[in-house]
Amino acid sequence: MNDGRMTKEGIRIHDPQDFKGMLAAGQITAQILDEVGPLVQPGVTTAELDDFIRRRVEELGTVSATIGYRGYQHASCISVNHVVCHGIPSEKILRDGDILNIDVTVILDGWFGDSSRMYVAGKANRKAERLIKVTHDSLMKGIEAVRPGATFGDIGHAIQSYAEGFGMSVVRDFCGHGLGRTFHAPPNVLHYGRSGKGPVIEEGMFFTIEPMINLGRPETKVLADDWTAVTRDKSLSAQFEHSIGVTADGCEIFTLSPGGVFYPNLAE
């Protein structure tokens, strides 16, 4: 691997030792997401969840990447029901059956660990459970497509074909992104597309895959707060996100759950 090289698309190729820094940051993010899970209950506010996350970010010796980012003042984004992404923590009280995505990014020794996953307050209905499962599996289908020589279109095609096979839609207004020692960098990782299209994937690339899948149509709109994105048809939306690094024969997932609870236990 060539040290510090950039592709013609401006995608950084990282050194082998950089994987350790990304894994350390990613594991702290994943630990926090593990720890917040039991707190997601009916009657809890999203602000209370964010307060816990803010405290754990500091206690674990990291810095929140979102506090102060473009004026944002919270340690997480919490997106409930028809909120697609960038939901702002508030005094909103969770109700039984609410589904929510919690997105956390920390900085450790200059490396960014970025991940999100779905949670359920109480018990979700069958449609919501199905949406969560398909969204999770769509992410994993996208990750399975990652290997040197494949293209970013292969990732998008794997996600899109899987989700649409269940009659669901892929959000097109938001995408995954490169990261490393910066929060957002090339490439834009689209969650839809055609096989064989887009930049070629190379060993040493770091990026997120974070599909947003809707039960209804894919269109979104951003509310007056300039952050919160919702489905235009008010259908439920779900999202899962991992940060990964491309290896010689596939990829390493930096944000695997230490407790094995990345996917919620919907049977409870």
Protein backbone atom coordinates (compact mmCIF):
# COMPACT_ATOMS: atom_id res chain seq x y z
CA MET A 1 0.00 0.00 0.00
CA ASN A 2 1.34 3.46 -0.85
CA ASP A 3 1.65 5.69 2.22
CA GLY A 4 -0.62 8.70 2.24
CA ARG A 5 -1.74 8.35 -1.37
CA MET A 6 -4.91 9.95 -2.70
CA THR A 7 -6.89 8.51 -5.60
CA LYS A 8 -7.92 10.70 -8.52
CA GLU A 9 -11.32 11.06 -6.83
CA GLY A 10 -9.65 12.51 -3.73
CA ILE A 11 -10.11 9.37 -1.61
CA ARG A 12 -7.31 8.88 0.90
CA ILE A 13 -5.49 5.56 1.06
CA HIS A 14 -4.51 4.98 4.68
CA ASP A 15 -1.45 3.24 6.08
CA PRO A 16 -1.76 -0.21 7.72
CA GLN A 17 -1.06 1.24 11.20
CA ASP A 18 -4.01 3.64 10.79
CA PHE A 19 -6.41 0.72 11.20
CA LYS A 20 -5.48 0.52 14.90
CA GLY A 21 -6.44 4.14 15.52
CA MET A 22 -9.74 3.74 13.73
CA LEU A 23 -10.54 0.51 15.57
CA ALA A 24 -9.86 2.13 18.96
CA ALA A 25 -12.17 5.07 18.17
CA GLY A 26 -14.82 2.84 16.64
CA GLN A 27 -14.88 0.51 19.63
CA ILE A 28 -15.55 3.37 22.05
CA THR A 29 -18.45 4.55 19.89
CA ALA A 30 -19.80 1.01 19.80
CA GLN A 31 -19.40 0.64 23.57
CA ILE A 32 -21.42 3.81 24.17
CA LEU A 33 -24.15 2.57 21.83
CA ASP A 34 -24.16 -0.73 23.74
CA GLU A 35 -24.49 1.07 27.06
CA VAL A 36 -27.33 3.40 26.05
CA GLY A 37 -29.52 0.51 24.88
CA PRO A 38 -31.03 -0.47 28.26
CA LEU A 39 -31.98 3.18 28.86
CA VAL A 40 -34.25 3.26 25.79
CA GLN A 41 -37.64 2.78 27.43
CA PRO A 42 -41.11 4.31 27.19
CA GLY A 43 -41.24 7.47 29.32
CA VAL A 44 -37.61 8.46 28.73
CA THR A 45 -36.81 11.64 26.81
CA THR A 46 -34.31 11.76 23.96
CA ALA A 47 -32.54 14.56 25.85
CA GLU A 48 -31.94 12.17 28.76
CA LEU A 49 -30.39 9.66 26.38
CA ASP A 50 -28.15 12.36 24.91
CA ASP A 51 -27.08 13.50 28.40
CA PHE A 52 -25.95 9.96 29.16
CA ILE A 53 -24.04 9.75 25.87
CA ARG A 54 -22.36 13.11 26.47
CA ARG A 55 -21.21 11.96 29.91
CA ARG A 56 -19.86 8.64 28.64
CA VAL A 57 -17.99 10.31 25.77
CA GLU A 58 -16.11 12.40 28.35
CA GLU A 59 -15.62 9.58 30.88
CA LEU A 60 -14.08 7.34 28.22
CA GLY A 61 -11.47 9.97 27.37
CA THR A 62 -12.86 10.96 23.98
CA VAL A 63 -14.33 14.09 22.43
CA SER A 64 -17.72 14.37 20.76
CA ALA A 65 -17.39 15.07 17.04
CA THR A 66 -20.90 16.53 16.85
CA ILE A 67 -20.86 19.10 19.67
CA GLY A 68 -19.95 22.34 17.91
CA TYR A 69 -20.10 20.81 14.42
CA ARG A 70 -21.80 23.47 12.27
CA GLY A 71 -23.36 24.84 15.44
CA TYR A 72 -24.83 21.53 16.61
CA GLN A 73 -24.91 21.26 20.41
CA HIS A 74 -25.54 17.58 21.17
CA ALA A 75 -23.43 14.44 21.56
CA SER A 76 -25.79 12.38 19.39
CA CYS A 77 -28.47 12.52 16.76
CA ILE A 78 -31.62 10.68 17.81
CA SER A 79 -34.16 10.07 15.05
CA VAL A 80 -37.58 8.75 16.09
CA ASN A 81 -40.12 6.97 13.86
CA HIS A 82 -40.48 8.99 10.62
CA VAL A 83 -37.33 11.03 11.26
CA VAL A 84 -34.79 9.79 8.73
CA CYS A 85 -31.63 11.26 10.26
CA HIS A 86 -30.16 14.20 12.20
CA GLY A 87 -32.94 14.22 14.79
CA ILE A 88 -32.14 16.68 17.61
CA PRO A 89 -32.39 15.36 21.20
CA SER A 90 -35.21 17.10 23.07
CA GLU A 91 -37.76 16.75 25.83
CA LYS A 92 -39.76 14.46 23.55
CA ILE A 93 -40.93 11.48 25.60
CA LEU A 94 -40.61 8.06 24.01
CA ARG A 95 -43.82 6.05 23.75
CA ASP A 96 -44.29 2.31 23.69
CA GLY A 97 -43.53 1.06 20.18
CA ASP A 98 -41.40 4.00 19.11
CA ILE A 99 -38.36 3.08 17.02
CA LEU A 100 -35.30 5.28 17.04
CA ASN A 101 -31.86 5.57 15.52
CA ILE A 102 -29.04 6.81 17.75
CA ASP A 103 -25.97 8.13 15.92
CA VAL A 104 -22.73 8.81 17.82
CA THR A 105 -19.31 9.94 16.64
CA VAL A 106 -16.30 10.30 18.94
CA ILE A 107 -12.75 11.48 18.34
CA LEU A 108 -9.88 9.54 19.93
CA ASP A 109 -6.28 10.58 19.25
CA GLY A 110 -7.49 12.38 16.14
CA TRP A 111 -9.41 9.41 14.72
CA PHE A 112 -13.19 9.54 14.18
CA GLY A 113 -15.40 6.62 15.23
CA ASP A 114 -18.88 6.89 13.67
CA SER A 115 -21.77 4.47 14.05
CA SER A 116 -25.53 4.34 14.50
CA ARG A 117 -28.07 1.67 15.18
CA MET A 118 -31.77 1.14 15.84
CA TYR A 119 -33.51 0.79 19.20
CA VAL A 120 -37.09 0.14 20.27
CA ALA A 121 -38.90 1.71 23.23
CA GLY A 122 -41.05 -1.13 24.52
CA LYS A 123 -42.31 -3.42 21.75
CA ALA A 124 -42.40 -2.50 18.08
CA ASN A 125 -45.23 -3.52 15.78
CA ARG A 126 -44.62 -6.09 13.05
CA LYS A 127 -44.12 -3.54 10.27
CA ALA A 128 -41.52 -1.66 12.31
CA GLU A 129 -39.75 -4.90 13.22
CA ARG A 130 -39.62 -5.89 9.56
CA LEU A 131 -38.25 -2.47 8.57
CA ILE A 132 -35.51 -2.70 11.20
CA LYS A 133 -34.50 -6.18 10.09
CA VAL A 134 -34.41 -5.29 6.39
CA THR A 135 -32.39 -2.13 7.11
CA HIS A 136 -29.85 -4.05 9.19
CA ASP A 137 -29.54 -6.75 6.57
CA SER A 138 -29.22 -4.13 3.81
CA LEU A 139 -26.20 -2.67 5.61
CA MET A 140 -24.61 -6.10 5.90
CA LYS A 141 -25.27 -6.79 2.20
CA GLY A 142 -23.47 -3.55 1.41
CA ILE A 143 -20.53 -4.50 3.62
CA GLU A 144 -20.32 -7.92 1.95
CA ALA A 145 -19.78 -6.14 -1.39
CA VAL A 146 -16.66 -4.34 -0.14
CA ARG A 147 -13.35 -5.67 -1.44
CA PRO A 148 -10.45 -4.29 -3.49
CA GLY A 149 -11.37 -4.15 -7.16
CA ALA A 150 -15.10 -3.82 -6.56
CA THR A 151 -16.78 -0.44 -7.04
CA PHE A 152 -18.86 1.83 -4.84
CA GLY A 153 -21.73 1.15 -7.24
CA ASP A 154 -21.55 -2.49 -6.16
CA ILE A 155 -22.24 -1.40 -2.57
CA GLY A 156 -25.22 0.73 -3.53
CA HIS A 157 -26.63 -1.96 -5.83
CA ALA A 158 -26.41 -4.61 -3.09
CA ILE A 159 -28.31 -2.40 -0.64
CA GLN A 160 -30.90 -1.12 -3.11
CA SER A 161 -31.75 -4.48 -4.65
CA TYR A 162 -32.13 -6.08 -1.23
CA ALA A 163 -34.31 -3.38 0.32
CA GLU A 164 -36.49 -2.90 -2.75
CA GLY A 165 -36.99 -6.64 -2.87
CA PHE A 166 -39.06 -6.21 0.31
CA GLY A 167 -41.07 -3.34 -1.13
CA MET A 168 -39.15 -0.70 0.81
CA SER A 169 -37.32 2.34 -0.51
CA VAL A 170 -33.77 3.66 -0.15
CA VAL A 171 -33.28 7.31 0.84
CA ARG A 172 -31.25 9.10 -1.82
CA ASP A 173 -30.82 12.49 -0.16
CA PHE A 174 -28.15 11.30 2.31
CA CYS A 175 -25.19 8.98 1.97
CA GLY A 176 -22.20 7.43 3.69
CA HIS A 177 -18.83 9.16 3.60
CA GLY A 178 -15.12 8.80 3.91
CA LEU A 179 -13.61 9.43 7.33
CA GLY A 180 -10.39 8.96 9.28
CA ARG A 181 -8.75 12.00 10.81
CA THR A 182 -11.63 14.04 9.40
CA PHE A 183 -15.34 13.64 10.04
CA HIS A 184 -16.45 13.78 6.40
CA ALA A 185 -14.28 13.23 3.34
CA PRO A 186 -14.57 11.67 -0.12
CA PRO A 187 -16.10 9.41 -1.23
CA ASN A 188 -19.84 9.86 -1.02
CA VAL A 189 -21.08 6.32 -0.42
CA LEU A 190 -24.45 6.04 -2.14
CA HIS A 191 -26.86 3.39 -0.92
CA TYR A 192 -28.31 2.83 -4.39
CA GLY A 193 -26.70 2.43 -7.77
CA ARG A 194 -25.51 0.13 -10.51
CA SER A 195 -22.92 -2.62 -10.23
CA GLY A 196 -19.57 -1.73 -11.73
CA LYS A 197 -20.14 2.02 -11.53
CA GLY A 198 -18.37 4.61 -9.39
CA PRO A 199 -14.82 4.71 -8.01
CA VAL A 200 -12.91 1.46 -7.62
CA ILE A 201 -12.50 0.31 -4.02
CA GLU A 202 -8.88 0.04 -2.85
CA GLU A 203 -7.20 -1.39 0.22
CA GLY A 204 -6.71 1.32 2.84
CA MET A 205 -9.91 3.26 2.18
CA PHE A 206 -11.94 4.17 5.28
CA PHE A 207 -15.64 5.04 4.98
CA THR A 208 -19.09 4.61 6.47
CA ILE A 209 -21.99 2.65 5.05
CA GLU A 210 -25.24 3.87 6.60
CA PRO A 211 -28.38 3.06 4.60
CA MET A 212 -31.64 4.79 5.49
CA ILE A 213 -34.60 2.65 4.47
CA ASN A 214 -38.24 3.81 4.42
CA LEU A 215 -41.44 1.79 4.61
CA GLY A 216 -42.96 4.24 2.16
CA ARG A 217 -41.48 6.46 -0.52
CA PRO A 218 -37.83 7.61 -0.48
CA GLU A 219 -38.41 11.39 -0.52
CA THR A 220 -37.37 13.43 2.50
CA LYS A 221 -37.58 17.02 3.67
CA VAL A 222 -35.54 18.99 6.20
CA LEU A 223 -37.48 20.83 8.89
CA ALA A 224 -37.11 24.50 9.84
CA ASP A 225 -34.36 23.69 12.38
CA ASP A 226 -32.09 22.96 9.36
CA TRP A 227 -31.13 19.56 10.81
CA THR A 228 -34.05 17.18 11.19
CA ALA A 229 -34.81 15.19 8.04
CA VAL A 230 -38.17 13.39 7.85
CA THR A 231 -39.98 11.23 5.34
CA ARG A 232 -42.29 13.35 3.19
CA ASP A 233 -45.07 10.77 3.42
CA LYS A 234 -44.53 10.34 7.21
CA SER A 235 -43.73 6.64 6.78
CA LEU A 236 -41.37 4.96 9.23
CA SER A 237 -37.63 5.11 8.52
CA ALA A 238 -34.70 3.11 9.89
CA GLN A 239 -30.92 3.29 9.64
CA PHE A 240 -27.84 1.31 10.63
CA GLU A 241 -24.25 2.52 10.23
CA HIS A 242 -20.80 1.00 10.49
CA SER A 243 -17.38 2.51 9.86
CA ILE A 244 -15.10 0.18 7.90
CA GLY A 245 -11.60 -0.06 6.47
CA VAL A 246 -10.84 -1.93 3.26
CA THR A 247 -8.41 -4.83 3.71
CA ALA A 248 -6.59 -7.01 1.17
CA ASP A 249 -9.52 -9.44 0.91
CA GLY A 250 -12.55 -7.56 2.20
CA CYS A 251 -12.98 -5.11 5.04
CA GLU A 252 -12.60 -4.63 8.78
CA ILE A 253 -15.62 -3.27 10.67
CA PHE A 254 -14.32 -0.76 13.22
CA THR A 255 -17.63 -0.30 15.05
CA LEU A 256 -18.69 -3.86 15.92
CA SER A 257 -20.70 -4.07 19.13
CA PRO A 258 -18.48 -5.27 22.03
CA GLY A 259 -21.55 -6.88 23.59
CA GLY A 260 -22.91 -8.34 20.36
CA VAL A 261 -26.03 -6.15 20.56
CA PHE A 262 -25.74 -4.06 17.38
CA TYR A 263 -29.13 -5.42 16.32
CA PRO A 264 -31.97 -4.91 18.84
CA ASN A 265 -33.64 -7.90 20.47
CA LEU A 266 -37.10 -7.47 19.01
CA ALA A 267 -38.45 -10.50 20.85
CA GLU A 268 -38.50 -8.68 24.17
